[in-house]
C-alpha atoms as a PDB file:
ATOM      1  CA  MET A   1      85.899  97.127-147.991  1.00  0.00           C
ATOM      2  CA  LEU A   2      84.093 100.423-148.424  1.00  0.00           C
ATOM      3  CA  ILE A   3      81.074  99.485-146.322  1.00  0.00           C
ATOM      4  CA  PRO A   4      81.043 101.870-143.358  1.00  0.00           C
ATOM      5  CA  SER A   5      81.841 100.228-140.038  1.00  0.00           C
ATOM      6  CA  GLY A   6      78.855  99.899-137.764  1.00  0.00           C
ATOM      7  CA  SER A   7      76.395 100.112-140.661  1.00  0.00           C
ATOM      8  CA  CYS A   8      75.619  96.385-140.606  1.00  0.00           C
ATOM      9  CA  SER A   9      76.582  93.396-138.510  1.00  0.00           C
ATOM     10  CA  GLY A  10      79.778  91.445-138.964  1.00  0.00           C
ATOM     11  CA  ILE A  11      77.743  88.418-139.968  1.00  0.00           C
ATOM     12  CA  VAL A  12      76.087  90.346-142.808  1.00  0.00           C
ATOM     13  CA  LYS A  13      79.470  91.641-144.004  1.00  0.00           C
ATOM     14  CA  HIS A  14      80.862  88.101-143.911  1.00  0.00           C
ATOM     15  CA  GLU A  15      77.913  86.727-145.894  1.00  0.00           C
ATOM     16  CA  LEU A  16      78.240  89.553-148.406  1.00  0.00           C
ATOM     17  CA  LEU A  17      81.940  88.858-148.909  1.00  0.00           C
ATOM     18  CA  GLU A  18      81.390  85.106-149.195  1.00  0.00           C
ATOM     19  CA  LEU A  19      78.684  85.574-151.830  1.00  0.00           C
ATOM     20  CA  ALA A  20      80.883  88.045-153.740  1.00  0.00           C
ATOM     21  CA  ARG A  21      83.762  85.551-153.586  1.00  0.00           C
ATOM     22  CA  PHE A  22      81.496  82.804-154.929  1.00  0.00           C
ATOM     23  CA  LEU A  23      80.326  85.011-157.796  1.00  0.00           C
ATOM     24  CA  THR A  24      83.937  85.879-158.613  1.00  0.00           C
ATOM     25  CA  GLU A  25      84.832  82.191-158.708  1.00  0.00           C
ATOM     26  CA  LEU A  26      81.964  81.594-161.131  1.00  0.00           C
ATOM     27  CA  ALA A  27      83.320  84.338-163.381  1.00  0.00           C
ATOM     28  CA  VAL A  28      86.669  82.544-163.566  1.00  0.00           C
ATOM     29  CA  CYS A  29      84.925  79.622-165.251  1.00  0.00           C
ATOM     30  CA  ASP A  30      83.624  81.745-168.137  1.00  0.00           C
ATOM     31  CA  TYR A  31      86.068  82.717-170.899  1.00  0.00           C
ATOM     32  CA  TYR A  32      84.114  85.930-171.542  1.00  0.00           C
ATOM     33  CA  PHE A  33      85.532  87.416-168.342  1.00  0.00           C
ATOM     34  CA  VAL A  34      89.182  86.773-169.262  1.00  0.00           C
ATOM     35  CA  THR A  35      89.325  90.061-171.163  1.00  0.00           C
ATOM     36  CA  ARG A  36      87.656  92.055-168.368  1.00  0.00           C
ATOM     37  CA  LYS A  37      89.491  93.990-165.697  1.00  0.00           C
ATOM     38  CA  PRO A  38      89.650  92.115-162.385  1.00  0.00           C
ATOM     39  CA  SER A  39      88.467  95.228-160.554  1.00  0.00           C
ATOM     40  CA  SER A  40      85.345  95.351-162.752  1.00  0.00           C
ATOM     41  CA  ILE A  41      84.588  91.718-162.005  1.00  0.00           C
ATOM     42  CA  ALA A  42      85.109  92.307-158.279  1.00  0.00           C
ATOM     43  CA  LEU A  43      82.831  95.352-158.236  1.00  0.00           C
ATOM     44  CA  ALA A  44      80.138  93.515-160.181  1.00  0.00           C
ATOM     45  CA  ALA A  45      80.368  90.590-157.757  1.00  0.00           C
ATOM     46  CA  VAL A  46      79.946  92.876-154.731  1.00  0.00           C
ATOM     47  CA  LEU A  47      77.038  94.771-156.305  1.00  0.00           C
ATOM     48  CA  ASN A  48      75.310  91.518-157.287  1.00  0.00           C
ATOM     49  CA  ALA A  49      75.859  90.141-153.795  1.00  0.00           C
ATOM     50  CA  MET A  50      74.284  93.291-152.353  1.00  0.00           C
ATOM     51  CA  ASP A  51      71.315  92.912-154.676  1.00  0.00           C
ATOM     52  CA  GLY A  52      70.901  89.357-153.456  1.00  0.00           C
ATOM     53  CA  MET A  53      70.528  90.444-149.830  1.00  0.00           C
ATOM     54  CA  SER A  54      67.247  91.651-148.413  1.00  0.00           C
ATOM     55  CA  SER A  55      66.913  95.308-147.422  1.00  0.00           C
ATOM     56  CA  SER A  56      66.267  94.258-143.839  1.00  0.00           C
ATOM     57  CA  ARG A  57      69.751  92.710-143.666  1.00  0.00           C
ATOM     58  CA  LEU A  58      71.569  95.304-145.769  1.00  0.00           C
ATOM     59  CA  PRO A  59      69.673  98.618-145.696  1.00  0.00           C
ATOM     60  CA  GLU A  60      69.332 100.727-148.832  1.00  0.00           C
ATOM     61  CA  ASP A  61      71.275 103.632-147.324  1.00  0.00           C
ATOM     62  CA  VAL A  62      74.291 101.352-146.767  1.00  0.00           C
ATOM     63  CA  ARG A  63      74.125 100.269-150.401  1.00  0.00           C
ATOM     64  CA  GLN A  64      73.921 103.871-151.554  1.00  0.00           C
ATOM     65  CA  ARG A  65      76.869 104.915-149.387  1.00  0.00           C
ATOM     66  CA  PHE A  66      78.910 102.060-150.846  1.00  0.00           C
ATOM     67  CA  VAL A  67      78.114 103.127-154.416  1.00  0.00           C
ATOM     68  CA  GLU A  68      78.976 106.742-153.594  1.00  0.00           C
ATOM     69  CA  SER A  69      82.276 105.619-152.043  1.00  0.00           C
ATOM     70  CA  VAL A  70      83.114 103.670-155.175  1.00  0.00           C
ATOM     71  CA  ARG A  71      82.327 106.680-157.349  1.00  0.00           C
ATOM     72  CA  PHE A  72      84.590 108.814-155.175  1.00  0.00           C
ATOM     73  CA  VAL A  73      87.476 106.324-155.425  1.00  0.00           C
ATOM     74  CA  ALA A  74      87.063 105.723-159.162  1.00  0.00           C
END
């Protein structure tokens, strides 16, 4: 994942990934998402999971670095 190592605890990363996985599984249940690219669904799930975490657990600068990394890759 593109979250810089050492920027947040392993527990926070695990919770973030578990929430993103859950959101992805919810998307599978909706026919609307069948026509969407899997990478778009995955990115949306990660971004929504980040939004669901408090800034004390996942600081804003970590979120911004993730978004910048995604822009660089895309």
